Amino acid sequence: MTATLQPTEPLTALDRCDRCGAQAYVRVVLASGGSLMFCNHHFRAHEDSLRPVAADVQDESDRLVPTPSPVTD
């Protein structure tokens, strides 16, 4: 049996970390079914144990780094 992953929606401000309730920037789809959402802090803290059991990791933590605006004189 092969599992087909469905495309995931982008995470929004309404998606919350299952650990602390902060805004979620990472969704982990588990190979056994279901998914977990994490803020960047808690995902990084548990990443080593999550990766082996994950079917997919949707990491949008790059949105945490602001895009620099051009400097004008």
PDB file of N, CA and C in Angstrom:
ATOM      1  N   MET A   1       0.841  -1.175   0.000  1.00  0.00           N
ATOM      2  CA  MET A   1       0.000   0.000   0.000  1.00  0.00           C
ATOM      3  C   MET A   1       0.887   1.241   0.000  1.00  0.00           C
ATOM      4  N   THR A   2       0.598   2.178  -0.862  1.00  0.00           N
ATOM      5  CA  THR A   2       1.361   3.417  -0.895  1.00  0.00           C
ATOM      6  C   THR A   2       0.472   4.569  -0.476  1.00  0.00           C
ATOM      7  N   ALA A   3       1.034   5.439   0.301  1.00  0.00           N
ATOM      8  CA  ALA A   3       0.281   6.600   0.762  1.00  0.00           C
ATOM      9  C   ALA A   3       0.541   7.763  -0.175  1.00  0.00           C
ATOM     10  N   THR A   4      -0.504   8.457  -0.540  1.00  0.00           N
ATOM     11  CA  THR A   4      -0.371   9.641  -1.367  1.00  0.00           C
ATOM     12  C   THR A   4      -0.664  10.858  -0.510  1.00  0.00           C
ATOM     13  N   LEU A   5       0.288  11.750  -0.421  1.00  0.00           N
ATOM     14  CA  LEU A   5       0.097  12.954   0.373  1.00  0.00           C
ATOM     15  C   LEU A   5      -0.695  13.971  -0.427  1.00  0.00           C
ATOM     16  N   GLN A   6      -1.674  14.555   0.226  1.00  0.00           N
ATOM     17  CA  GLN A   6      -2.460  15.607  -0.391  1.00  0.00           C
ATOM     18  C   GLN A   6      -1.714  16.925  -0.236  1.00  0.00           C
ATOM     19  N   PRO A   7      -1.847  17.817  -1.198  1.00  0.00           N
ATOM     20  CA  PRO A   7      -1.214  19.123  -1.042  1.00  0.00           C
ATOM     21  C   PRO A   7      -1.768  19.796   0.212  1.00  0.00           C
ATOM     22  N   THR A   8      -0.902  20.449   0.941  1.00  0.00           N
ATOM     23  CA  THR A   8      -1.323  21.090   2.179  1.00  0.00           C
ATOM     24  C   THR A   8      -1.526  22.576   1.951  1.00  0.00           C
ATOM     25  N   GLU A   9      -2.469  23.117   2.667  1.00  0.00           N
ATOM     26  CA  GLU A   9      -2.744  24.544   2.613  1.00  0.00           C
ATOM     27  C   GLU A   9      -1.643  25.300   3.357  1.00  0.00           C
ATOM     28  N   PRO A  10      -1.371  26.526   2.957  1.00  0.00           N
ATOM     29  CA  PRO A  10      -0.407  27.331   3.718  1.00  0.00           C
ATOM     30  C   PRO A  10      -0.911  27.534   5.147  1.00  0.00           C
ATOM     31  N   LEU A  11      -0.002  27.600   6.078  1.00  0.00           N
ATOM     32  CA  LEU A  11      -0.362  27.838   7.471  1.00  0.00           C
ATOM     33  C   LEU A  11      -0.763  29.306   7.638  1.00  0.00           C
ATOM     34  N   THR A  12      -1.736  29.543   8.508  1.00  0.00           N
ATOM     35  CA  THR A  12      -2.219  30.901   8.749  1.00  0.00           C
ATOM     36  C   THR A  12      -2.053  31.258  10.222  1.00  0.00           C
ATOM     37  N   ALA A  13      -2.408  32.470  10.572  1.00  0.00           N
ATOM     38  CA  ALA A  13      -2.334  32.915  11.963  1.00  0.00           C
ATOM     39  C   ALA A  13      -3.307  32.143  12.847  1.00  0.00           C
ATOM     40  N   LEU A  14      -4.292  31.483  12.258  1.00  0.00           N
ATOM     41  CA  LEU A  14      -5.243  30.689  13.031  1.00  0.00           C
ATOM     42  C   LEU A  14      -4.688  29.318  13.409  1.00  0.00           C
ATOM     43  N   ASP A  15      -3.624  28.872  12.735  1.00  0.00           N
ATOM     44  CA  ASP A  15      -2.992  27.581  13.055  1.00  0.00           C
ATOM     45  C   ASP A  15      -2.099  27.773  14.266  1.00  0.00           C
ATOM     46  N   ARG A  16      -2.313  26.949  15.287  1.00  0.00           N
ATOM     47  CA  ARG A  16      -1.625  27.128  16.563  1.00  0.00           C
ATOM     48  C   ARG A  16      -0.765  25.920  16.895  1.00  0.00           C
ATOM     49  N   CYS A  17       0.316  26.166  17.608  1.00  0.00           N
ATOM     50  CA  CYS A  17       1.235  25.129  18.069  1.00  0.00           C
ATOM     51  C   CYS A  17       0.501  24.201  19.033  1.00  0.00           C
ATOM     52  N   ASP A  18       0.596  22.896  18.798  1.00  0.00           N
ATOM     53  CA  ASP A  18      -0.037  21.919  19.684  1.00  0.00           C
ATOM     54  C   ASP A  18       0.637  21.858  21.045  1.00  0.00           C
ATOM     55  N   ARG A  19       1.807  22.396  21.163  1.00  0.00           N
ATOM     56  CA  ARG A  19       2.554  22.352  22.423  1.00  0.00           C
ATOM     57  C   ARG A  19       2.273  23.566  23.314  1.00  0.00           C
ATOM     58  N   CYS A  20       2.271  24.784  22.711  1.00  0.00           N
ATOM     59  CA  CYS A  20       2.158  25.991  23.549  1.00  0.00           C
ATOM     60  C   CYS A  20       1.073  26.964  23.114  1.00  0.00           C
ATOM     61  N   GLY A  21       0.482  26.765  21.948  1.00  0.00           N
ATOM     62  CA  GLY A  21      -0.573  27.657  21.493  1.00  0.00           C
ATOM     63  C   GLY A  21      -0.108  28.857  20.696  1.00  0.00           C
ATOM     64  N   ALA A  22       1.197  29.017  20.497  1.00  0.00           N
ATOM     65  CA  ALA A  22       1.711  30.120  19.677  1.00  0.00           C
ATOM     66  C   ALA A  22       1.390  29.832  18.206  1.00  0.00           C
ATOM     67  N   GLN A  23       1.596  30.816  17.348  1.00  0.00           N
ATOM     68  CA  GLN A  23       1.333  30.603  15.927  1.00  0.00           C
ATOM     69  C   GLN A  23       2.211  29.476  15.396  1.00  0.00           C
ATOM     70  N   ALA A  24       1.589  28.562  14.653  1.00  0.00           N
ATOM     71  CA  ALA A  24       2.320  27.424  14.089  1.00  0.00           C
ATOM     72  C   ALA A  24       2.966  27.821  12.763  1.00  0.00           C
ATOM     73  N   TYR A  25       4.212  27.436  12.607  1.00  0.00           N
ATOM     74  CA  TYR A  25       4.930  27.635  11.357  1.00  0.00           C
ATOM     75  C   TYR A  25       5.376  26.318  10.742  1.00  0.00           C
ATOM     76  N   VAL A  26       5.112  25.198  11.437  1.00  0.00           N
ATOM     77  CA  VAL A  26       5.512  23.880  10.943  1.00  0.00           C
ATOM     78  C   VAL A  26       4.361  22.905  11.156  1.00  0.00           C
ATOM     79  N   ARG A  27       4.006  22.164  10.090  1.00  0.00           N
ATOM     80  CA  ARG A  27       3.021  21.084  10.176  1.00  0.00           C
ATOM     81  C   ARG A  27       3.760  19.780   9.898  1.00  0.00           C
ATOM     82  N   VAL A  28       3.627  18.824  10.803  1.00  0.00           N
ATOM     83  CA  VAL A  28       4.244  17.507  10.635  1.00  0.00           C
ATOM     84  C   VAL A  28       3.122  16.515  10.383  1.00  0.00           C
ATOM     85  N   VAL A  29       3.118  15.912   9.192  1.00  0.00           N
ATOM     86  CA  VAL A  29       2.162  14.864   8.871  1.00  0.00           C
ATOM     87  C   VAL A  29       2.822  13.549   9.247  1.00  0.00           C
ATOM     88  N   LEU A  30       2.197  12.827  10.161  1.00  0.00           N
ATOM     89  CA  LEU A  30       2.780  11.588  10.672  1.00  0.00           C
ATOM     90  C   LEU A  30       2.532  10.427   9.718  1.00  0.00           C
ATOM     91  N   ALA A  31       3.490   9.540   9.598  1.00  0.00           N
ATOM     92  CA  ALA A  31       3.355   8.370   8.739  1.00  0.00           C
ATOM     93  C   ALA A  31       2.215   7.473   9.214  1.00  0.00           C
ATOM     94  N   SER A  32       1.940   7.481  10.503  1.00  0.00           N
ATOM     95  CA  SER A  32       0.876   6.648  11.063  1.00  0.00           C
ATOM     96  C   SER A  32      -0.505   7.284  10.922  1.00  0.00           C
ATOM     97  N   GLY A  33      -0.554   8.499  10.402  1.00  0.00           N
ATOM     98  CA  GLY A  33      -1.814   9.226  10.241  1.00  0.00           C
ATOM     99  C   GLY A  33      -1.881  10.399  11.197  1.00  0.00           C
ATOM    100  N   GLY A  34      -2.632  11.412  10.825  1.00  0.00           N
ATOM    101  CA  GLY A  34      -2.754  12.598  11.655  1.00  0.00           C
ATOM    102  C   GLY A  34      -1.627  13.573  11.396  1.00  0.00           C
ATOM    103  N   SER A  35      -1.726  14.693  12.064  1.00  0.00           N
ATOM    104  CA  SER A  35      -0.684  15.710  11.921  1.00  0.00           C
ATOM    105  C   SER A  35      -0.563  16.492  13.216  1.00  0.00           C
ATOM    106  N   LEU A  36       0.583  17.117  13.367  1.00  0.00           N
ATOM    107  CA  LEU A  36       0.872  17.966  14.517  1.00  0.00           C
ATOM    108  C   LEU A  36       1.353  19.305  13.996  1.00  0.00           C
ATOM    109  N   MET A  37       1.052  20.367  14.741  1.00  0.00           N
ATOM    110  CA  MET A  37       1.526  21.694  14.367  1.00  0.00           C
ATOM    111  C   MET A  37       2.402  22.235  15.483  1.00  0.00           C
ATOM    112  N   PHE A  38       3.452  22.948  15.074  1.00  0.00           N
ATOM    113  CA  PHE A  38       4.418  23.464  16.035  1.00  0.00           C
ATOM    114  C   PHE A  38       4.834  24.883  15.687  1.00  0.00           C
ATOM    115  N   CYS A  39       5.106  25.676  16.725  1.00  0.00           N
ATOM    116  CA  CYS A  39       5.814  26.935  16.520  1.00  0.00           C
ATOM    117  C   CYS A  39       7.249  26.540  16.145  1.00  0.00           C
ATOM    118  N   ASN A  40       8.013  27.486  15.662  1.00  0.00           N
ATOM    119  CA  ASN A  40       9.382  27.181  15.258  1.00  0.00           C
ATOM    120  C   ASN A  40      10.210  26.668  16.430  1.00  0.00           C
ATOM    121  N   HIS A  41      10.049  27.268  17.601  1.00  0.00           N
ATOM    122  CA  HIS A  41      10.813  26.878  18.785  1.00  0.00           C
ATOM    123  C   HIS A  41      10.575  25.407  19.148  1.00  0.00           C
ATOM    124  N   HIS A  42       9.319  24.995  19.244  1.00  0.00           N
ATOM    125  CA  HIS A  42       9.042  23.627  19.657  1.00  0.00           C
ATOM    126  C   HIS A  42       9.361  22.602  18.569  1.00  0.00           C
ATOM    127  N   PHE A  43       9.213  22.985  17.300  1.00  0.00           N
ATOM    128  CA  PHE A  43       9.615  22.045  16.253  1.00  0.00           C
ATOM    129  C   PHE A  43      11.117  21.795  16.314  1.00  0.00           C
ATOM    130  N   ARG A  44      11.911  22.850  16.433  1.00  0.00           N
ATOM    131  CA  ARG A  44      13.370  22.675  16.496  1.00  0.00           C
ATOM    132  C   ARG A  44      13.769  21.865  17.728  1.00  0.00           C
ATOM    133  N   ALA A  45      13.044  22.041  18.831  1.00  0.00           N
ATOM    134  CA  ALA A  45      13.358  21.307  20.057  1.00  0.00           C
ATOM    135  C   ALA A  45      13.078  19.810  19.907  1.00  0.00           C
ATOM    136  N   HIS A  46      12.099  19.445  19.069  1.00  0.00           N
ATOM    137  CA  HIS A  46      11.699  18.039  18.933  1.00  0.00           C
ATOM    138  C   HIS A  46      11.959  17.463  17.536  1.00  0.00           C
ATOM    139  N   GLU A  47      12.633  18.225  16.703  1.00  0.00           N
ATOM    140  CA  GLU A  47      12.840  17.830  15.307  1.00  0.00           C
ATOM    141  C   GLU A  47      13.497  16.463  15.159  1.00  0.00           C
ATOM    142  N   ASP A  48      14.506  16.170  15.963  1.00  0.00           N
ATOM    143  CA  ASP A  48      15.220  14.898  15.830  1.00  0.00           C
ATOM    144  C   ASP A  48      14.325  13.689  16.061  1.00  0.00           C
ATOM    145  N   SER A  49      13.335  13.816  16.935  1.00  0.00           N
ATOM    146  CA  SER A  49      12.431  12.682  17.177  1.00  0.00           C
ATOM    147  C   SER A  49      11.235  12.694  16.223  1.00  0.00           C
ATOM    148  N   LEU A  50      10.916  13.829  15.629  1.00  0.00           N
ATOM    149  CA  LEU A  50       9.778  13.912  14.718  1.00  0.00           C
ATOM    150  C   LEU A  50      10.112  13.446  13.303  1.00  0.00           C
ATOM    151  N   ARG A  51      11.278  13.797  12.810  1.00  0.00           N
ATOM    152  CA  ARG A  51      11.631  13.463  11.418  1.00  0.00           C
ATOM    153  C   ARG A  51      11.509  11.968  11.095  1.00  0.00           C
ATOM    154  N   PRO A  52      11.948  11.052  11.982  1.00  0.00           N
ATOM    155  CA  PRO A  52      11.836   9.625  11.638  1.00  0.00           C
ATOM    156  C   PRO A  52      10.393   9.111  11.534  1.00  0.00           C
ATOM    157  N   VAL A  53       9.445   9.757  12.176  1.00  0.00           N
ATOM    158  CA  VAL A  53       8.053   9.291  12.148  1.00  0.00           C
ATOM    159  C   VAL A  53       7.178  10.136  11.227  1.00  0.00           C
ATOM    160  N   ALA A  54       7.773  11.093  10.535  1.00  0.00           N
ATOM    161  CA  ALA A  54       7.013  12.005   9.677  1.00  0.00           C
ATOM    162  C   ALA A  54       6.938  11.491   8.250  1.00  0.00           C
ATOM    163  N   ALA A  55       5.746  11.617   7.669  1.00  0.00           N
ATOM    164  CA  ALA A  55       5.581  11.354   6.238  1.00  0.00           C
ATOM    165  C   ALA A  55       5.902  12.619   5.457  1.00  0.00           C
ATOM    166  N   ASP A  56       5.652  13.768   6.076  1.00  0.00           N
ATOM    167  CA  ASP A  56       5.913  15.053   5.430  1.00  0.00           C
ATOM    168  C   ASP A  56       6.086  16.122   6.502  1.00  0.00           C
ATOM    169  N   VAL A  57       6.943  17.086   6.226  1.00  0.00           N
ATOM    170  CA  VAL A  57       7.125  18.234   7.118  1.00  0.00           C
ATOM    171  C   VAL A  57       6.952  19.493   6.275  1.00  0.00           C
ATOM    172  N   GLN A  58       5.943  20.278   6.613  1.00  0.00           N
ATOM    173  CA  GLN A  58       5.690  21.544   5.948  1.00  0.00           C
ATOM    174  C   GLN A  58       6.267  22.635   6.841  1.00  0.00           C
ATOM    175  N   ASP A  59       7.429  23.141   6.482  1.00  0.00           N
ATOM    176  CA  ASP A  59       8.144  24.113   7.301  1.00  0.00           C
ATOM    177  C   ASP A  59       8.051  25.488   6.650  1.00  0.00           C
ATOM    178  N   GLU A  60       7.312  26.387   7.277  1.00  0.00           N
ATOM    179  CA  GLU A  60       7.164  27.750   6.772  1.00  0.00           C
ATOM    180  C   GLU A  60       7.855  28.754   7.695  1.00  0.00           C
ATOM    181  N   SER A  61       8.835  28.275   8.449  1.00  0.00           N
ATOM    182  CA  SER A  61       9.521  29.145   9.408  1.00  0.00           C
ATOM    183  C   SER A  61      10.334  30.246   8.726  1.00  0.00           C
ATOM    184  N   ASP A  62      10.560  30.131   7.427  1.00  0.00           N
ATOM    185  CA  ASP A  62      11.276  31.195   6.719  1.00  0.00           C
ATOM    186  C   ASP A  62      10.478  32.500   6.721  1.00  0.00           C
ATOM    187  N   ARG A  63       9.177  32.422   6.985  1.00  0.00           N
ATOM    188  CA  ARG A  63       8.361  33.639   7.068  1.00  0.00           C
ATOM    189  C   ARG A  63       8.678  34.464   8.309  1.00  0.00           C
ATOM    190  N   LEU A  64       9.396  33.883   9.257  1.00  0.00           N
ATOM    191  CA  LEU A  64       9.760  34.602  10.481  1.00  0.00           C
ATOM    192  C   LEU A  64      10.847  35.646  10.256  1.00  0.00           C
ATOM    193  N   VAL A  65      11.599  35.504   9.189  1.00  0.00           N
ATOM    194  CA  VAL A  65      12.671  36.453   8.877  1.00  0.00           C
ATOM    195  C   VAL A  65      12.077  37.529   7.980  1.00  0.00           C
ATOM    196  N   PRO A  66      12.033  38.764   8.457  1.00  0.00           N
ATOM    197  CA  PRO A  66      11.432  39.819   7.643  1.00  0.00           C
ATOM    198  C   PRO A  66      12.228  40.069   6.370  1.00  0.00           C
ATOM    199  N   THR A  67      11.514  40.406   5.319  1.00  0.00           N
ATOM    200  CA  THR A  67      12.165  40.764   4.061  1.00  0.00           C
ATOM    201  C   THR A  67      12.663  42.196   4.195  1.00  0.00           C
ATOM    202  N   PRO A  68      13.959  42.402   3.979  1.00  0.00           N
ATOM    203  CA  PRO A  68      14.490  43.764   4.127  1.00  0.00           C
ATOM    204  C   PRO A  68      13.884  44.700   3.075  1.00  0.00           C
ATOM    205  N   SER A  69      13.596  45.888   3.484  1.00  0.00           N
ATOM    206  CA  SER A  69      13.085  46.882   2.538  1.00  0.00           C
ATOM    207  C   SER A  69      14.263  47.673   1.974  1.00  0.00           C
ATOM    208  N   PRO A  70      14.130  48.125   0.745  1.00  0.00           N
ATOM    209  CA  PRO A  70      15.223  48.877   0.139  1.00  0.00           C
ATOM    210  C   PRO A  70      15.465  50.194   0.877  1.00  0.00           C
ATOM    211  N   VAL A  71      16.708  50.566   0.939  1.00  0.00           N
ATOM    212  CA  VAL A  71      17.085  51.817   1.584  1.00  0.00           C
ATOM    213  C   VAL A  71      17.108  52.913   0.519  1.00  0.00           C
ATOM    214  N   THR A  72      16.437  54.000   0.838  1.00  0.00           N
ATOM    215  CA  THR A  72      16.454  55.122  -0.092  1.00  0.00           C
ATOM    216  C   THR A  72      17.115  56.315   0.582  1.00  0.00           C
ATOM    217  N   ASP A  73      17.786  57.112  -0.207  1.00  0.00           N
ATOM    218  CA  ASP A  73      18.467  58.307   0.336  1.00  0.00           C
ATOM    219  C   ASP A  73      17.546  59.482   0.414  1.00  0.00           C
TER     220      ASP A  73
END
